[in-house]
Amino acid sequence: MMDNNEPSTDLLILHSALRDYFTTMQVLIKSFIKSGERMDLHQFRVVSRRIHSIAIILGKLTKNDRYLTFGQWVREIVRPSNKLRDIDEAIAYLEADAITSDAGKDFYKYLYYQRDKQFKKIHKSFNKLVTSDQFYKVGSFFENGKNFQLKSGVRHQIAKGKKKIQKRATLFNDDPSRERIHELRIKVKRYRYLLEPLGKDQKTIKLCKKIQDYIGLIHDREIQLHLLFSWMKRRFYLSGTTMKQMEKDLLKGFSSKQTIENYLAQFEGKIPMEECNAVAQHIVTDRDEIYEEFILFWESDNVRKSALLN
């Protein structure tokens, strides 16, 4: 039996992966400050999510609260980038689909305006971070990461992570709502981030990524729809009970084409109804097509009979 003070090989691998991800995160932050590139921000967010997931797991595997503190610190760094990432995805979506109506062009300009505001906030935040001593203070933690007190093994955490996915899968099957599909994606993502550094079960890792990608695209379309209505609210000075209810329903997700058209009809005379509805319906149609494709994939034997769900 392993002594409680002697870390397992898998535990050391996860600790090393966390340190390497942390180094990569620093490089990406500095690169984004210089370039402002969308891909740098995307990679920074991916690496940061990996850090947060692994830090939580290591905090459970050991009795060292510093892992959990470290994970939360990284999460706070990521938080301001959420809106910029969503705006970038919306801009890329509009560019790819070439929505050329006046409403589409105006919405596009609004997104660029919002991007500029968010970029300045994040640029300032990142500059403050790299010129402080926070990286050094947090990084020094890895110099003293040799003494672990094991609470449970890595294999146990892998089995536990799989059970959590299976539970979320059942909940999603019973109630395929936005909340349930989002919860499923989070559990799949964390499970994948645990398996990847360990080099375990490449087939399951690929399956997890595919599930993430599908749900991520669905989520992006929901966010883009929400951004569209945020633009409409500001552009046409919309307010009142109808707007509040519409925003509430949009946040719940999966609003139907008819529901959205009915809401927009209540603003007849205040908005260019036909153009605004066309942009909204374009996004909803795309979202529904992705969702239907995901459901076909989700119900296929490749998923149902996979090691992930069995």
C-alpha atoms as a PDB file:
ATOM      1  CA  MET A   1       0.000   0.000   0.000  1.00  0.00           C
ATOM      2  CA  MET A   2       1.282   3.477  -0.893  1.00  0.00           C
ATOM      3  CA  ASP A   3       2.401   5.688   1.974  1.00  0.00           C
ATOM      4  CA  ASN A   4       0.157   8.757   2.400  1.00  0.00           C
ATOM      5  CA  ASN A   5       3.108  11.091   1.890  1.00  0.00           C
ATOM      6  CA  GLU A   6       4.258   9.458  -1.330  1.00  0.00           C
ATOM      7  CA  PRO A   7       2.466  10.758  -4.428  1.00  0.00           C
ATOM      8  CA  SER A   8       1.341   8.355  -7.117  1.00  0.00           C
ATOM      9  CA  THR A   9       2.717   8.615 -10.654  1.00  0.00           C
ATOM     10  CA  ASP A  10      -0.641   9.850 -11.929  1.00  0.00           C
ATOM     11  CA  LEU A  11      -0.767  12.513  -9.237  1.00  0.00           C
ATOM     12  CA  LEU A  12       2.687  13.775 -10.185  1.00  0.00           C
ATOM     13  CA  ILE A  13       1.637  13.842 -13.855  1.00  0.00           C
ATOM     14  CA  LEU A  14      -1.377  16.000 -13.002  1.00  0.00           C
ATOM     15  CA  HIS A  15       0.752  18.313 -10.857  1.00  0.00           C
ATOM     16  CA  SER A  16       3.288  18.694 -13.705  1.00  0.00           C
ATOM     17  CA  ALA A  17       0.487  19.303 -16.216  1.00  0.00           C
ATOM     18  CA  LEU A  18      -0.932  22.019 -13.972  1.00  0.00           C
ATOM     19  CA  ARG A  19       2.472  23.716 -13.793  1.00  0.00           C
ATOM     20  CA  ASP A  20       2.946  23.494 -17.580  1.00  0.00           C
ATOM     21  CA  TYR A  21      -0.545  24.870 -18.245  1.00  0.00           C
ATOM     22  CA  PHE A  22       0.187  27.730 -15.866  1.00  0.00           C
ATOM     23  CA  THR A  23       3.362  28.596 -17.794  1.00  0.00           C
ATOM     24  CA  THR A  24       1.447  28.441 -21.095  1.00  0.00           C
ATOM     25  CA  MET A  25      -1.256  30.685 -19.646  1.00  0.00           C
ATOM     26  CA  GLN A  26       1.324  33.370 -18.828  1.00  0.00           C
ATOM     27  CA  VAL A  27       2.726  33.221 -22.372  1.00  0.00           C
ATOM     28  CA  LEU A  28      -0.747  33.539 -23.911  1.00  0.00           C
ATOM     29  CA  ILE A  29      -1.677  36.508 -21.715  1.00  0.00           C
ATOM     30  CA  LYS A  30       1.471  38.362 -22.762  1.00  0.00           C
ATOM     31  CA  SER A  31       0.893  37.443 -26.398  1.00  0.00           C
ATOM     32  CA  PHE A  32      -2.689  38.707 -26.263  1.00  0.00           C
ATOM     33  CA  ILE A  33      -1.534  42.009 -24.748  1.00  0.00           C
ATOM     34  CA  LYS A  34       0.777  42.509 -27.742  1.00  0.00           C
ATOM     35  CA  SER A  35      -1.396  41.146 -30.544  1.00  0.00           C
ATOM     36  CA  GLY A  36      -5.023  41.334 -29.411  1.00  0.00           C
ATOM     37  CA  GLU A  37      -5.517  38.178 -31.483  1.00  0.00           C
ATOM     38  CA  ARG A  38      -8.778  36.296 -31.031  1.00  0.00           C
ATOM     39  CA  MET A  39      -6.945  32.961 -31.161  1.00  0.00           C
ATOM     40  CA  ASP A  40      -4.614  33.965 -28.310  1.00  0.00           C
ATOM     41  CA  LEU A  41      -7.646  34.746 -26.176  1.00  0.00           C
ATOM     42  CA  HIS A  42      -9.290  31.465 -27.163  1.00  0.00           C
ATOM     43  CA  GLN A  43      -6.194  29.425 -26.272  1.00  0.00           C
ATOM     44  CA  PHE A  44      -5.792  31.331 -23.005  1.00  0.00           C
ATOM     45  CA  ARG A  45      -9.367  30.453 -22.059  1.00  0.00           C
ATOM     46  CA  VAL A  46      -8.931  26.768 -22.968  1.00  0.00           C
ATOM     47  CA  VAL A  47      -5.718  26.454 -20.938  1.00  0.00           C
ATOM     48  CA  SER A  48      -7.252  28.346 -18.021  1.00  0.00           C
ATOM     49  CA  ARG A  49     -10.259  26.015 -17.968  1.00  0.00           C
ATOM     50  CA  ARG A  50      -7.889  23.050 -17.869  1.00  0.00           C
ATOM     51  CA  ILE A  51      -6.035  24.613 -14.940  1.00  0.00           C
ATOM     52  CA  HIS A  52      -9.249  25.220 -13.036  1.00  0.00           C
ATOM     53  CA  SER A  53     -10.515  21.662 -13.589  1.00  0.00           C
ATOM     54  CA  ILE A  54      -7.246  19.952 -12.642  1.00  0.00           C
ATOM     55  CA  ALA A  55      -6.730  22.223  -9.630  1.00  0.00           C
ATOM     56  CA  ILE A  56     -10.147  21.190  -8.280  1.00  0.00           C
ATOM     57  CA  ILE A  57      -9.297  17.515  -8.758  1.00  0.00           C
ATOM     58  CA  LEU A  58      -5.877  17.872  -7.108  1.00  0.00           C
ATOM     59  CA  GLY A  59      -7.485  19.737  -4.239  1.00  0.00           C
ATOM     60  CA  LYS A  60      -9.743  16.723  -3.693  1.00  0.00           C
ATOM     61  CA  LEU A  61      -6.984  14.163  -4.153  1.00  0.00           C
ATOM     62  CA  THR A  62      -4.759  15.923  -1.640  1.00  0.00           C
ATOM     63  CA  LYS A  63      -5.566  17.780   1.520  1.00  0.00           C
ATOM     64  CA  ASN A  64      -3.919  20.906   0.177  1.00  0.00           C
ATOM     65  CA  ASP A  65      -6.351  23.814  -0.064  1.00  0.00           C
ATOM     66  CA  ARG A  66      -3.819  25.824  -2.062  1.00  0.00           C
ATOM     67  CA  TYR A  67      -4.820  23.912  -5.182  1.00  0.00           C
ATOM     68  CA  LEU A  68      -8.408  25.049  -4.768  1.00  0.00           C
ATOM     69  CA  THR A  69      -7.315  28.626  -4.064  1.00  0.00           C
ATOM     70  CA  PHE A  70      -5.119  28.517  -7.157  1.00  0.00           C
ATOM     71  CA  GLY A  71      -7.988  27.210  -9.297  1.00  0.00           C
ATOM     72  CA  GLN A  72     -10.326  29.950  -8.076  1.00  0.00           C
ATOM     73  CA  TRP A  73      -7.670  32.610  -8.719  1.00  0.00           C
ATOM     74  CA  VAL A  74      -7.344  31.448 -12.327  1.00  0.00           C
ATOM     75  CA  ARG A  75     -11.119  31.373 -12.728  1.00  0.00           C
ATOM     76  CA  GLU A  76     -11.316  35.012 -11.643  1.00  0.00           C
ATOM     77  CA  ILE A  77      -8.680  35.915 -14.255  1.00  0.00           C
ATOM     78  CA  VAL A  78     -10.766  34.230 -16.965  1.00  0.00           C
ATOM     79  CA  ARG A  79     -14.108  35.750 -15.970  1.00  0.00           C
ATOM     80  CA  PRO A  80     -13.620  39.201 -17.609  1.00  0.00           C
ATOM     81  CA  SER A  81     -12.826  37.526 -20.943  1.00  0.00           C
ATOM     82  CA  ASN A  82     -16.207  35.764 -21.197  1.00  0.00           C
ATOM     83  CA  LYS A  83     -18.051  38.626 -22.845  1.00  0.00           C
ATOM     84  CA  LEU A  84     -15.226  39.428 -25.265  1.00  0.00           C
ATOM     85  CA  ARG A  85     -15.081  35.800 -26.349  1.00  0.00           C
ATOM     86  CA  ASP A  86     -18.854  35.738 -26.972  1.00  0.00           C
ATOM     87  CA  ILE A  87     -18.671  38.962 -28.986  1.00  0.00           C
ATOM     88  CA  ASP A  88     -15.768  37.624 -31.075  1.00  0.00           C
ATOM     89  CA  GLU A  89     -17.720  34.471 -31.862  1.00  0.00           C
ATOM     90  CA  ALA A  90     -20.745  36.544 -32.878  1.00  0.00           C
ATOM     91  CA  ILE A  91     -18.618  38.742 -35.164  1.00  0.00           C
ATOM     92  CA  ALA A  92     -17.046  35.682 -36.786  1.00  0.00           C
ATOM     93  CA  TYR A  93     -20.509  34.161 -37.241  1.00  0.00           C
ATOM     94  CA  LEU A  94     -21.911  37.273 -38.945  1.00  0.00           C
ATOM     95  CA  GLU A  95     -18.854  37.531 -41.193  1.00  0.00           C
ATOM     96  CA  ALA A  96     -19.107  33.893 -42.241  1.00  0.00           C
ATOM     97  CA  ASP A  97     -22.841  34.092 -42.957  1.00  0.00           C
ATOM     98  CA  ALA A  98     -22.600  37.504 -44.671  1.00  0.00           C
ATOM     99  CA  ILE A  99     -25.807  38.983 -43.250  1.00  0.00           C
ATOM    100  CA  THR A 100     -26.050  42.147 -45.366  1.00  0.00           C
ATOM    101  CA  SER A 101     -29.365  43.762 -44.371  1.00  0.00           C
ATOM    102  CA  ASP A 102     -29.263  47.198 -42.745  1.00  0.00           C
ATOM    103  CA  ALA A 103     -30.211  45.651 -39.401  1.00  0.00           C
ATOM    104  CA  GLY A 104     -27.487  43.014 -39.804  1.00  0.00           C
ATOM    105  CA  LYS A 105     -24.866  45.659 -40.612  1.00  0.00           C
ATOM    106  CA  ASP A 106     -25.951  47.818 -37.687  1.00  0.00           C
ATOM    107  CA  PHE A 107     -25.802  44.835 -35.330  1.00  0.00           C
ATOM    108  CA  TYR A 108     -22.322  44.071 -36.683  1.00  0.00           C
ATOM    109  CA  LYS A 109     -21.146  47.632 -35.927  1.00  0.00           C
ATOM    110  CA  TYR A 110     -22.619  47.392 -32.446  1.00  0.00           C
ATOM    111  CA  LEU A 111     -20.647  44.197 -31.784  1.00  0.00           C
ATOM    112  CA  TYR A 112     -17.405  45.867 -32.860  1.00  0.00           C
ATOM    113  CA  TYR A 113     -18.151  48.808 -30.595  1.00  0.00           C
ATOM    114  CA  GLN A 114     -18.784  46.457 -27.662  1.00  0.00           C
ATOM    115  CA  ARG A 115     -15.660  44.472 -28.538  1.00  0.00           C
ATOM    116  CA  ASP A 116     -13.528  47.602 -28.372  1.00  0.00           C
ATOM    117  CA  LYS A 117     -14.904  48.396 -24.904  1.00  0.00           C
ATOM    118  CA  GLN A 118     -14.358  44.864 -23.603  1.00  0.00           C
ATOM    119  CA  PHE A 119     -10.907  44.616 -25.175  1.00  0.00           C
ATOM    120  CA  LYS A 120      -9.748  47.766 -23.374  1.00  0.00           C
ATOM    121  CA  LYS A 121     -11.013  46.412 -20.052  1.00  0.00           C
ATOM    122  CA  ILE A 122      -9.250  43.077 -20.481  1.00  0.00           C
ATOM    123  CA  HIS A 123      -6.083  44.668 -21.848  1.00  0.00           C
ATOM    124  CA  LYS A 124      -5.914  46.860 -18.749  1.00  0.00           C
ATOM    125  CA  SER A 125      -6.637  43.905 -16.469  1.00  0.00           C
ATOM    126  CA  PHE A 126      -3.965  41.716 -18.112  1.00  0.00           C
ATOM    127  CA  ASN A 127      -1.386  44.514 -18.050  1.00  0.00           C
ATOM    128  CA  LYS A 128      -1.987  44.988 -14.350  1.00  0.00           C
ATOM    129  CA  LEU A 129      -1.604  41.252 -13.813  1.00  0.00           C
ATOM    130  CA  VAL A 130       1.707  40.813 -15.659  1.00  0.00           C
ATOM    131  CA  THR A 131       3.269  43.880 -14.015  1.00  0.00           C
ATOM    132  CA  SER A 132       2.318  42.679 -10.524  1.00  0.00           C
ATOM    133  CA  ASP A 133       4.090  39.936  -8.581  1.00  0.00           C
ATOM    134  CA  GLN A 134       1.038  37.656  -8.626  1.00  0.00           C
ATOM    135  CA  PHE A 135       2.485  35.266 -11.192  1.00  0.00           C
ATOM    136  CA  TYR A 136       5.620  34.825  -9.123  1.00  0.00           C
ATOM    137  CA  LYS A 137       3.708  34.313  -5.881  1.00  0.00           C
ATOM    138  CA  VAL A 138       1.361  31.758  -7.422  1.00  0.00           C
ATOM    139  CA  GLY A 139       4.142  30.095  -9.433  1.00  0.00           C
ATOM    140  CA  SER A 140       6.219  29.507  -6.303  1.00  0.00           C
ATOM    141  CA  PHE A 141       3.538  27.070  -5.198  1.00  0.00           C
ATOM    142  CA  PHE A 142       4.839  24.549  -7.743  1.00  0.00           C
ATOM    143  CA  GLU A 143       8.294  24.557  -6.194  1.00  0.00           C
ATOM    144  CA  ASN A 144       6.838  23.024  -3.052  1.00  0.00           C
ATOM    145  CA  GLY A 145       4.434  20.513  -4.518  1.00  0.00           C
ATOM    146  CA  LYS A 146       6.189  17.318  -3.543  1.00  0.00           C
ATOM    147  CA  ASN A 147       4.516  16.463  -0.253  1.00  0.00           C
ATOM    148  CA  PHE A 148       1.020  15.169  -0.883  1.00  0.00           C
ATOM    149  CA  GLN A 149      -1.483  13.633   1.464  1.00  0.00           C
ATOM    150  CA  LEU A 150      -3.619  11.368  -0.653  1.00  0.00           C
ATOM    151  CA  LYS A 151      -7.317  11.347   0.110  1.00  0.00           C
ATOM    152  CA  SER A 152      -8.322   9.097  -2.774  1.00  0.00           C
ATOM    153  CA  GLY A 153      -6.675   7.805  -5.911  1.00  0.00           C
ATOM    154  CA  VAL A 154      -6.743   9.263  -9.407  1.00  0.00           C
ATOM    155  CA  ARG A 155      -8.536   6.162 -10.675  1.00  0.00           C
ATOM    156  CA  HIS A 156     -11.278   6.804  -8.160  1.00  0.00           C
ATOM    157  CA  GLN A 157     -11.653  10.362  -9.480  1.00  0.00           C
ATOM    158  CA  ILE A 158     -11.869   9.081 -13.060  1.00  0.00           C
ATOM    159  CA  ALA A 159     -14.649   6.667 -12.089  1.00  0.00           C
ATOM    160  CA  LYS A 160     -16.392   9.428 -10.139  1.00  0.00           C
ATOM    161  CA  GLY A 161     -16.156  11.815 -13.105  1.00  0.00           C
ATOM    162  CA  LYS A 162     -17.708   9.239 -15.397  1.00  0.00           C
ATOM    163  CA  LYS A 163     -20.617   8.674 -13.007  1.00  0.00           C
ATOM    164  CA  LYS A 164     -21.277  12.414 -12.929  1.00  0.00           C
ATOM    165  CA  ILE A 165     -21.493  12.461 -16.728  1.00  0.00           C
ATOM    166  CA  GLN A 166     -23.878   9.528 -16.728  1.00  0.00           C
ATOM    167  CA  LYS A 167     -26.077  11.278 -14.166  1.00  0.00           C
ATOM    168  CA  ARG A 168     -26.149  14.473 -16.244  1.00  0.00           C
ATOM    169  CA  ALA A 169     -26.844  12.450 -19.383  1.00  0.00           C
ATOM    170  CA  THR A 170     -29.927  10.908 -17.728  1.00  0.00           C
ATOM    171  CA  LEU A 171     -31.143  14.326 -16.574  1.00  0.00           C
ATOM    172  CA  PHE A 172     -30.647  15.739 -20.075  1.00  0.00           C
ATOM    173  CA  ASN A 173     -32.515  12.815 -21.665  1.00  0.00           C
ATOM    174  CA  ASP A 174     -35.447  13.454 -19.322  1.00  0.00           C
ATOM    175  CA  ASP A 175     -35.342  17.241 -19.751  1.00  0.00           C
ATOM    176  CA  PRO A 176     -33.394  18.423 -22.848  1.00  0.00           C
ATOM    177  CA  SER A 177     -33.350  22.059 -21.715  1.00  0.00           C
ATOM    178  CA  ARG A 178     -30.596  24.622 -22.021  1.00  0.00           C
ATOM    179  CA  GLU A 179     -29.756  24.241 -18.324  1.00  0.00           C
ATOM    180  CA  ARG A 180     -29.393  20.469 -18.609  1.00  0.00           C
ATOM    181  CA  ILE A 181     -27.323  20.541 -21.784  1.00  0.00           C
ATOM    182  CA  HIS A 182     -25.014  23.151 -20.253  1.00  0.00           C
ATOM    183  CA  GLU A 183     -24.527  21.030 -17.113  1.00  0.00           C
ATOM    184  CA  LEU A 184     -23.710  18.026 -19.304  1.00  0.00           C
ATOM    185  CA  ARG A 185     -21.068  20.008 -21.201  1.00  0.00           C
ATOM    186  CA  ILE A 186     -19.352  21.117 -17.984  1.00  0.00           C
ATOM    187  CA  LYS A 187     -19.056  17.553 -16.651  1.00  0.00           C
ATOM    188  CA  VAL A 188     -17.819  16.234 -20.018  1.00  0.00           C
ATOM    189  CA  LYS A 189     -15.257  19.019 -20.244  1.00  0.00           C
ATOM    190  CA  ARG A 190     -13.853  18.393 -16.765  1.00  0.00           C
ATOM    191  CA  TYR A 191     -13.662  14.659 -17.381  1.00  0.00           C
ATOM    192  CA  ARG A 192     -11.777  15.221 -20.632  1.00  0.00           C
ATOM    193  CA  TYR A 193      -9.336  17.601 -18.917  1.00  0.00           C
ATOM    194  CA  LEU A 194      -8.598  14.904 -16.336  1.00  0.00           C
ATOM    195  CA  LEU A 195      -7.968  12.187 -18.935  1.00  0.00           C
ATOM    196  CA  GLU A 196      -5.814  14.230 -21.339  1.00  0.00           C
ATOM    197  CA  PRO A 197      -2.670  14.779 -19.194  1.00  0.00           C
ATOM    198  CA  LEU A 198      -2.753  11.135 -18.123  1.00  0.00           C
ATOM    199  CA  GLY A 199      -2.899   9.934 -21.732  1.00  0.00           C
ATOM    200  CA  LYS A 200      -5.795   7.628 -20.905  1.00  0.00           C
ATOM    201  CA  ASP A 201      -8.526   6.384 -23.270  1.00  0.00           C
ATOM    202  CA  GLN A 202      -8.029   8.477 -26.412  1.00  0.00           C
ATOM    203  CA  LYS A 203     -11.330   7.239 -27.843  1.00  0.00           C
ATOM    204  CA  THR A 204     -13.261   8.658 -24.893  1.00  0.00           C
ATOM    205  CA  ILE A 205     -11.289  11.926 -25.059  1.00  0.00           C
ATOM    206  CA  LYS A 206     -12.281  12.347 -28.721  1.00  0.00           C
ATOM    207  CA  LEU A 207     -15.910  11.576 -27.894  1.00  0.00           C
ATOM    208  CA  CYS A 208     -15.891  14.136 -25.077  1.00  0.00           C
ATOM    209  CA  LYS A 209     -14.468  16.768 -27.396  1.00  0.00           C
ATOM    210  CA  LYS A 210     -17.128  16.113 -30.017  1.00  0.00           C
ATOM    211  CA  ILE A 211     -19.898  16.442 -27.426  1.00  0.00           C
ATOM    212  CA  GLN A 212     -18.305  19.671 -26.179  1.00  0.00           C
ATOM    213  CA  ASP A 213     -18.048  21.078 -29.696  1.00  0.00           C
ATOM    214  CA  TYR A 214     -21.703  20.416 -30.504  1.00  0.00           C
ATOM    215  CA  ILE A 215     -23.026  21.883 -27.266  1.00  0.00           C
ATOM    216  CA  GLY A 216     -20.571  24.774 -27.524  1.00  0.00           C
ATOM    217  CA  LEU A 217     -21.969  25.756 -30.937  1.00  0.00           C
ATOM    218  CA  ILE A 218     -25.536  25.565 -29.618  1.00  0.00           C
ATOM    219  CA  HIS A 219     -24.530  27.777 -26.699  1.00  0.00           C
ATOM    220  CA  ASP A 220     -22.858  30.255 -29.065  1.00  0.00           C
ATOM    221  CA  ARG A 221     -26.050  30.667 -31.106  1.00  0.00           C
ATOM    222  CA  GLU A 222     -28.057  31.266 -27.927  1.00  0.00           C
ATOM    223  CA  ILE A 223     -25.577  33.941 -26.847  1.00  0.00           C
ATOM    224  CA  GLN A 224     -25.662  35.524 -30.316  1.00  0.00           C
ATOM    225  CA  LEU A 225     -29.432  35.700 -30.118  1.00  0.00           C
ATOM    226  CA  HIS A 226     -29.167  37.364 -26.723  1.00  0.00           C
ATOM    227  CA  LEU A 227     -26.610  39.875 -28.093  1.00  0.00           C
ATOM    228  CA  LEU A 228     -28.962  40.659 -30.982  1.00  0.00           C
ATOM    229  CA  PHE A 229     -31.770  41.566 -28.604  1.00  0.00           C
ATOM    230  CA  SER A 230     -29.376  43.580 -26.433  1.00  0.00           C
ATOM    231  CA  TRP A 231     -28.533  45.596 -29.556  1.00  0.00           C
ATOM    232  CA  MET A 232     -32.227  46.037 -30.409  1.00  0.00           C
ATOM    233  CA  LYS A 233     -32.987  47.222 -26.882  1.00  0.00           C
ATOM    234  CA  ARG A 234     -30.310  49.930 -27.080  1.00  0.00           C
ATOM    235  CA  ARG A 235     -30.716  50.815 -30.756  1.00  0.00           C
ATOM    236  CA  PHE A 236     -34.484  51.273 -30.680  1.00  0.00           C
ATOM    237  CA  TYR A 237     -34.898  52.273 -27.010  1.00  0.00           C
ATOM    238  CA  LEU A 238     -37.060  49.286 -26.168  1.00  0.00           C
ATOM    239  CA  SER A 239     -38.285  48.719 -22.633  1.00  0.00           C
ATOM    240  CA  GLY A 240     -41.280  47.509 -20.666  1.00  0.00           C
ATOM    241  CA  THR A 241     -42.762  44.194 -19.564  1.00  0.00           C
ATOM    242  CA  THR A 242     -42.523  42.566 -23.003  1.00  0.00           C
ATOM    243  CA  MET A 243     -38.781  43.246 -23.283  1.00  0.00           C
ATOM    244  CA  LYS A 244     -38.121  41.983 -19.751  1.00  0.00           C
ATOM    245  CA  GLN A 245     -40.084  38.784 -20.366  1.00  0.00           C
ATOM    246  CA  MET A 246     -38.359  38.260 -23.710  1.00  0.00           C
ATOM    247  CA  GLU A 247     -34.911  38.657 -22.152  1.00  0.00           C
ATOM    248  CA  LYS A 248     -35.879  36.233 -19.379  1.00  0.00           C
ATOM    249  CA  ASP A 249     -37.060  33.642 -21.899  1.00  0.00           C
ATOM    250  CA  LEU A 250     -33.933  34.085 -24.000  1.00  0.00           C
ATOM    251  CA  LEU A 251     -31.739  33.375 -20.991  1.00  0.00           C
ATOM    252  CA  LYS A 252     -33.650  30.126 -20.427  1.00  0.00           C
ATOM    253  CA  GLY A 253     -32.742  29.167 -23.977  1.00  0.00           C
ATOM    254  CA  PHE A 254     -34.230  27.233 -26.869  1.00  0.00           C
ATOM    255  CA  SER A 255     -36.888  29.840 -27.691  1.00  0.00           C
ATOM    256  CA  SER A 256     -38.757  28.695 -30.816  1.00  0.00           C
ATOM    257  CA  LYS A 257     -38.915  30.611 -34.080  1.00  0.00           C
ATOM    258  CA  GLN A 258     -42.590  31.357 -33.487  1.00  0.00           C
ATOM    259  CA  THR A 259     -42.009  32.578 -29.930  1.00  0.00           C
ATOM    260  CA  ILE A 260     -39.355  35.023 -31.083  1.00  0.00           C
ATOM    261  CA  GLU A 261     -41.462  36.247 -33.983  1.00  0.00           C
ATOM    262  CA  ASN A 262     -44.414  36.780 -31.619  1.00  0.00           C
ATOM    263  CA  TYR A 263     -42.254  38.837 -29.287  1.00  0.00           C
ATOM    264  CA  LEU A 264     -40.881  40.947 -32.129  1.00  0.00           C
ATOM    265  CA  ALA A 265     -44.385  41.569 -33.461  1.00  0.00           C
ATOM    266  CA  GLN A 266     -45.159  43.415 -30.249  1.00  0.00           C
ATOM    267  CA  PHE A 267     -42.567  46.020 -31.237  1.00  0.00           C
ATOM    268  CA  GLU A 268     -44.129  46.633 -34.640  1.00  0.00           C
ATOM    269  CA  GLY A 269     -43.608  50.283 -35.582  1.00  0.00           C
ATOM    270  CA  LYS A 270     -40.665  50.661 -33.205  1.00  0.00           C
ATOM    271  CA  ILE A 271     -38.226  48.408 -35.067  1.00  0.00           C
ATOM    272  CA  PRO A 272     -37.588  47.389 -38.684  1.00  0.00           C
ATOM    273  CA  MET A 273     -39.630  44.247 -38.037  1.00  0.00           C
ATOM    274  CA  GLU A 274     -38.835  42.295 -41.192  1.00  0.00           C
ATOM    275  CA  GLU A 275     -35.078  42.826 -41.029  1.00  0.00           C
ATOM    276  CA  CYS A 276     -34.743  42.203 -37.285  1.00  0.00           C
ATOM    277  CA  ASN A 277     -36.844  39.065 -37.523  1.00  0.00           C
ATOM    278  CA  ALA A 278     -34.788  37.818 -40.487  1.00  0.00           C
ATOM    279  CA  VAL A 279     -31.528  38.102 -38.515  1.00  0.00           C
ATOM    280  CA  ALA A 280     -33.081  36.465 -35.435  1.00  0.00           C
ATOM    281  CA  GLN A 281     -34.619  33.630 -37.457  1.00  0.00           C
ATOM    282  CA  HIS A 282     -31.319  33.045 -39.245  1.00  0.00           C
ATOM    283  CA  ILE A 283     -29.580  32.466 -35.904  1.00  0.00           C
ATOM    284  CA  VAL A 284     -32.418  30.313 -34.525  1.00  0.00           C
ATOM    285  CA  THR A 285     -32.540  28.174 -37.674  1.00  0.00           C
ATOM    286  CA  ASP A 286     -28.816  27.564 -37.440  1.00  0.00           C
ATOM    287  CA  ARG A 287     -29.081  26.723 -33.740  1.00  0.00           C
ATOM    288  CA  ASP A 288     -31.937  24.273 -34.355  1.00  0.00           C
ATOM    289  CA  GLU A 289     -30.025  22.529 -37.145  1.00  0.00           C
ATOM    290  CA  ILE A 290     -26.986  22.093 -34.898  1.00  0.00           C
ATOM    291  CA  TYR A 291     -29.185  20.851 -32.060  1.00  0.00           C
ATOM    292  CA  GLU A 292     -30.907  18.296 -34.303  1.00  0.00           C
ATOM    293  CA  GLU A 293     -27.535  17.102 -35.569  1.00  0.00           C
ATOM    294  CA  PHE A 294     -26.319  16.807 -31.987  1.00  0.00           C
ATOM    295  CA  ILE A 295     -29.377  14.760 -30.943  1.00  0.00           C
ATOM    296  CA  LEU A 296     -28.813  12.342 -33.834  1.00  0.00           C
ATOM    297  CA  PHE A 297     -25.199  11.984 -32.724  1.00  0.00           C
ATOM    298  CA  TRP A 298     -26.186  11.711 -29.038  1.00  0.00           C
ATOM    299  CA  GLU A 299     -28.655   8.913 -29.784  1.00  0.00           C
ATOM    300  CA  SER A 300     -26.261   6.985 -32.015  1.00  0.00           C
ATOM    301  CA  ASP A 301     -24.648   3.719 -30.964  1.00  0.00           C
ATOM    302  CA  ASN A 302     -21.250   5.462 -30.940  1.00  0.00           C
ATOM    303  CA  VAL A 303     -22.433   7.440 -27.913  1.00  0.00           C
ATOM    304  CA  ARG A 304     -25.046   5.160 -26.329  1.00  0.00           C
ATOM    305  CA  LYS A 305     -22.774   2.123 -26.336  1.00  0.00           C
ATOM    306  CA  SER A 306     -19.576   4.032 -25.578  1.00  0.00           C
ATOM    307  CA  ALA A 307     -17.427   3.474 -22.494  1.00  0.00           C
ATOM    308  CA  LEU A 308     -18.359   7.015 -21.458  1.00  0.00           C
ATOM    309  CA  LEU A 309     -21.999   6.142 -20.775  1.00  0.00           C
ATOM    310  CA  ASN A 310     -21.529   2.531 -19.694  1.00  0.00           C
END
